[in-house]
Amino acid sequence: MVSMSWLTIASCAVLALGLAEPLTAQKATTIPSLRAYDEETRRTMELACAMERTNGPVAYGACLDRQIATLRTSPGIPSLHGYDDETRRTMELACAMERTNGPVAYGACLDRQIATLRTSPGIPSLRGYDDETRRTMELACAMERTNGPVAYGGCLRRQVEGLRRHSKPL
């Protein structure tokens, strides 16, 4: 014979009478679904609301609702697929802080990077240099890299020009 506690019996009676739903059937209603958004937009919204998430589902859901509302009046995050890896990574780095504010702020930052890049020669290729020289030029321009591909490219071009001016013919 199986022994049942009074609590188990009462719970079964309440469920049998239809007075309550089982816990597994209850649905969360405060956190909006982000399935309709692309992965980048979804991750950016989640990042923007990460602190609110520590305050529970109501605060997190309200934050996501605000992100969704502002996104409705924005073009969102532009695609960077047409750019080479170095240019794309540099734009993403330049906008990293804006990304924590959500997809609207991040998208606006990327749009500014794209606009300034249109009037620039971009990031020069360093393929013709040995690894040590290339790494040294990249290190010298590391701070500029955080300002985007235009600033980073300008710094690298100055490094290349400095090498040309100071190299001695063999």
Protein backbone atom coordinates (compact mmCIF):
# COMPACT_ATOMS: atom_id res chain seq x y z
CA MET A 1 0.00 0.00 0.00
CA VAL A 2 1.31 3.43 -0.95
CA SER A 3 1.34 6.07 1.73
CA MET A 4 0.23 9.54 0.58
CA SER A 5 0.56 12.72 2.58
CA TRP A 6 -2.42 14.97 3.17
CA LEU A 7 -0.78 17.63 1.05
CA THR A 8 -0.51 15.26 -1.91
CA ILE A 9 -4.12 14.16 -1.50
CA ALA A 10 -5.33 17.78 -1.24
CA SER A 11 -3.32 18.76 -4.32
CA CYS A 12 -4.80 15.88 -6.30
CA ALA A 13 -8.31 16.83 -5.19
CA VAL A 14 -7.84 20.46 -6.21
CA LEU A 15 -6.54 19.38 -9.63
CA ALA A 16 -9.31 16.84 -10.09
CA LEU A 17 -11.93 19.48 -9.38
CA GLY A 18 -10.29 21.82 -11.89
CA LEU A 19 -9.62 24.49 -9.32
CA ALA A 20 -5.96 24.92 -10.27
CA GLU A 21 -3.57 24.07 -13.06
CA PRO A 22 -0.63 21.82 -12.36
CA LEU A 23 2.62 23.75 -11.99
CA THR A 24 4.01 22.30 -15.20
CA ALA A 25 1.06 23.66 -17.17
CA GLN A 26 1.44 27.25 -15.95
CA LYS A 27 2.88 29.61 -18.55
CA ALA A 28 5.09 32.63 -18.04
CA THR A 29 3.29 35.71 -19.27
CA THR A 30 5.69 38.50 -18.34
CA ILE A 31 8.64 37.74 -20.63
CA PRO A 32 7.92 38.43 -24.32
CA SER A 33 9.08 35.97 -26.93
CA LEU A 34 11.99 37.14 -29.06
CA ARG A 35 11.68 34.34 -31.63
CA ALA A 36 10.57 36.76 -34.35
CA TYR A 37 13.93 38.56 -34.26
CA ASP A 38 17.23 37.57 -35.86
CA GLU A 39 19.93 36.20 -33.58
CA GLU A 40 21.96 39.43 -33.42
CA THR A 41 18.94 41.55 -32.50
CA ARG A 42 17.78 39.00 -29.94
CA ARG A 43 21.22 38.79 -28.29
CA THR A 44 21.51 42.58 -28.20
CA MET A 45 18.12 42.94 -26.50
CA GLU A 46 19.06 40.26 -23.98
CA LEU A 47 22.36 42.02 -23.29
CA ALA A 48 20.64 45.36 -22.81
CA CYS A 49 18.30 43.77 -20.27
CA ALA A 50 20.85 41.56 -18.49
CA MET A 51 20.85 43.65 -15.31
CA GLU A 52 17.06 43.76 -15.21
CA ARG A 53 16.99 39.98 -15.50
CA THR A 54 18.64 39.75 -12.07
CA ASN A 55 15.55 41.51 -10.66
CA GLY A 56 13.20 38.77 -11.86
CA PRO A 57 10.86 38.04 -14.76
CA VAL A 58 8.65 41.12 -14.35
CA ALA A 59 11.57 43.56 -14.54
CA TYR A 60 13.23 41.57 -17.33
CA GLY A 61 9.99 41.37 -19.32
CA ALA A 62 9.37 45.10 -18.94
CA CYS A 63 12.89 45.83 -20.19
CA LEU A 64 12.42 43.57 -23.22
CA ASP A 65 9.07 45.24 -23.90
CA ARG A 66 10.84 48.64 -23.95
CA GLN A 67 13.47 47.27 -26.34
CA ILE A 68 10.77 45.90 -28.65
CA ALA A 69 8.84 49.19 -28.58
CA THR A 70 11.88 51.29 -29.52
CA LEU A 71 12.88 48.79 -32.20
CA ARG A 72 9.53 49.29 -33.95
CA THR A 73 10.56 52.86 -34.87
CA SER A 74 14.09 51.95 -35.97
CA PRO A 75 15.66 50.24 -38.95
CA GLY A 76 17.40 47.92 -36.49
CA ILE A 77 20.89 46.52 -36.79
CA PRO A 78 22.41 46.85 -40.27
CA SER A 79 23.99 43.83 -41.89
CA LEU A 80 27.78 43.85 -41.98
CA HIS A 81 28.07 40.82 -44.24
CA GLY A 82 29.45 42.86 -47.15
CA TYR A 83 32.54 43.91 -45.20
CA ASP A 84 35.79 42.03 -44.73
CA ASP A 85 36.36 40.42 -41.32
CA GLU A 86 38.78 43.08 -40.05
CA THR A 87 36.47 45.98 -40.97
CA ARG A 88 33.43 44.21 -39.50
CA ARG A 89 35.21 43.37 -36.24
CA THR A 90 36.51 46.94 -35.94
CA MET A 91 33.01 48.39 -36.41
CA GLU A 92 31.63 45.96 -33.82
CA LEU A 93 34.41 46.91 -31.38
CA ALA A 94 33.76 50.63 -31.89
CA CYS A 95 30.08 50.06 -31.07
CA ALA A 96 30.51 47.57 -28.22
CA MET A 97 29.38 50.02 -25.54
CA GLU A 98 26.32 51.03 -27.56
CA ARG A 99 25.41 47.34 -27.92
CA THR A 100 24.73 47.21 -24.17
CA ASN A 101 21.98 49.81 -24.72
CA GLY A 102 20.05 47.60 -27.13
CA PRO A 103 19.60 47.07 -30.87
CA VAL A 104 18.45 50.63 -31.64
CA ALA A 105 21.54 52.26 -30.11
CA TYR A 106 23.84 49.57 -31.52
CA GLY A 107 22.29 49.86 -34.99
CA ALA A 108 22.62 53.65 -34.96
CA CYS A 109 26.29 53.36 -34.00
CA LEU A 110 26.95 50.86 -36.80
CA ASP A 111 25.11 53.14 -39.24
CA ARG A 112 27.48 55.99 -38.25
CA GLN A 113 30.48 53.71 -38.76
CA ILE A 114 29.20 52.69 -42.21
CA ALA A 115 28.55 56.32 -43.19
CA THR A 116 32.06 57.47 -42.26
CA LEU A 117 33.59 54.43 -43.94
CA ARG A 118 31.99 55.43 -47.27
CA THR A 119 34.30 58.46 -47.47
CA SER A 120 37.44 56.59 -46.38
CA PRO A 121 39.83 54.17 -48.05
CA GLY A 122 39.19 51.79 -45.14
CA ILE A 123 41.70 49.54 -43.44
CA PRO A 124 44.84 48.90 -45.49
CA SER A 125 46.04 45.35 -46.02
CA LEU A 126 49.18 44.45 -44.09
CA ARG A 127 49.72 41.16 -45.92
CA GLY A 128 53.03 42.27 -47.41
CA TYR A 129 54.66 42.64 -43.99
CA ASP A 130 56.23 39.96 -41.82
CA ASP A 131 54.27 38.83 -38.75
CA GLU A 132 56.33 40.85 -36.26
CA THR A 133 56.05 44.10 -38.22
CA ARG A 134 52.33 43.58 -38.79
CA ARG A 135 51.65 42.82 -35.10
CA THR A 136 53.69 45.86 -34.04
CA MET A 137 51.72 48.16 -36.36
CA GLU A 138 48.43 46.66 -35.09
CA LEU A 139 49.56 47.17 -31.49
CA ALA A 140 50.55 50.78 -32.19
CA CYS A 141 47.00 51.36 -33.53
CA ALA A 142 45.10 49.34 -30.91
CA MET A 143 43.53 52.39 -29.26
CA GLU A 144 42.48 53.83 -32.63
CA ARG A 145 40.82 50.50 -33.46
CA THR A 146 38.26 51.13 -30.72
CA ASN A 147 37.15 54.25 -32.66
CA GLY A 148 36.24 52.29 -35.78
CA PRO A 149 37.71 51.34 -39.15
CA VAL A 150 38.27 54.91 -40.36
CA ALA A 151 40.42 55.85 -37.36
CA TYR A 152 42.15 52.46 -37.32
CA GLY A 153 42.81 52.55 -41.06
CA GLY A 154 44.24 56.06 -40.78
CA CYS A 155 46.59 54.98 -38.03
CA LEU A 156 47.77 51.93 -39.99
CA ARG A 157 48.39 54.10 -43.07
CA ARG A 158 50.55 56.42 -40.92
CA GLN A 159 52.48 53.36 -39.69
CA VAL A 160 53.01 52.15 -43.27
CA GLU A 161 54.13 55.62 -44.37
CA GLY A 162 56.55 55.82 -41.42
CA LEU A 163 58.09 52.51 -42.50
CA ARG A 164 58.47 53.76 -46.08
CA ARG A 165 60.16 56.99 -44.98
CA HIS A 166 62.59 55.26 -42.64
CA SER A 167 63.45 52.14 -44.57
CA LYS A 168 66.91 52.06 -46.00
CA PRO A 169 67.54 50.66 -49.47
CA LEU A 170 69.68 47.54 -49.51
